[in-house]
């Protein structure tokens, strides 16, 4: 028997949950399908748990280095069980809040199971004891991504961790080798190092964070070096082995090296969860990496089916998925004409200090052959950074020479994401760098030094 709905939402992530609620509130009968947990990656094994644990690691770092601020401490110990307990409490609170919000909506029916298409209007769901068939005129896909498991000799028989499974380990790894040098790998690497693990990072590219400007990579590398984190770039892992005592073999700058460790974290990226969706049955096309192809309005190759969040490719951040939801609901329910084309996308890497990024990088500005100039200010010249004793990093902005508007920014520093957001708002409002240069900020804030950042362009 077919169950009929107005809307089917596949995936209860950061786009799927508000999407289901918004259409239900508009009087539509909605089926929300989730194979695992409400909240998706962000709440369950992404942003919420990792940033909670990073906060604990930062406290450990500050206490261990408190002499820098004239505070003497001794006998510092990590209660990792309490760290995990605090993380789990916050995750359950966030997930519980999302579940309660959905339960209040009379027009939402939740199905827990694996979903896959039968055709352009029908979706099957494998529940625990039966398979059901759902029908709707409008279908949204918000299934996200999962960690890539690379083809490395020995990986199929050697125990390893991913960004998901590492969240539930019971004790801090004594010696951790991380394969990969992107955002996720660096957040976990610094976190575990601060909890007491001896961390080695192996990145096959020329630098860490290969999609960022070289000066960003160099600054983060220097920060990690100071904290005793071992980094090897141009390092291709060719084999892993062992059980309790593990070995990772890599070709590092042309020479073979073997790294011993107790644990291996695979952090080389993520892959879209599209294999089991049977998208071809609905005529929905994917690219060669399995990402769903969408237009500027998030339509797939079938006009009644939309894809939102990580599954469509591009920058894989929670804020992108949520903005996808905003665009779709504004267009379909309020007859607007919003597009993802040329939208300003901010993101933040929660290492300590943070990396806040928005808009064009310098490399991208060069590639586009834009007439630009760069404003840059080391944090060691920022009054607030000196006062707080955290002077690592810098502020950097890319400026259009003709319009004097900000094209992009990178801020490495304490609360770098917050400072970046000030520049993002300026970009949205088309505020020129000169207006920020002479703006009155409250003193003494990190943002106040945006005056000084753009003062560097006076000459």
Foldseek 3Di string as FASTA:
>chain_A
DEAEWAEEEEAQALQRLVLQVLVLVVVTQYEYEAQPAHHPCCLQQRVQLLVLLLVVLVVLVCQVVVVLVPDDDDDDADPVVVSLVVSVVRSCVVRVVSVVSQVVRPRYDYAHADWADQAQFWIWGDHPPDIHIYGHLAYEYEQAWDADDDDAAPPVPEDAAESRRVSPDPDQWQEEEEEAQELSSQSVQSSSVSNHHAYEYEELAPFRRVVADPVVRVLSVVVCVVSNHHYAYNWAWHHWDDYQWIWTWIQGPNRIDIDITRHYYYHHDIAAPQPRHNCVNHPFDDDPRQATDADFQQATPDNRYGYAAPSNPDDHDSVRRNVNSVSNCCCPVVVDDDTNPPDKDWDWRVDVQIKIKIADHPVRCVVVVAQKDKFKAFQVPQPVCVVVVWRRWIKMFIARPPLQQTRMIITGHHPSNVLRVVNVVCNVVVPGLVCLLPDDDDPPDSNNCSVVRCVVVVD
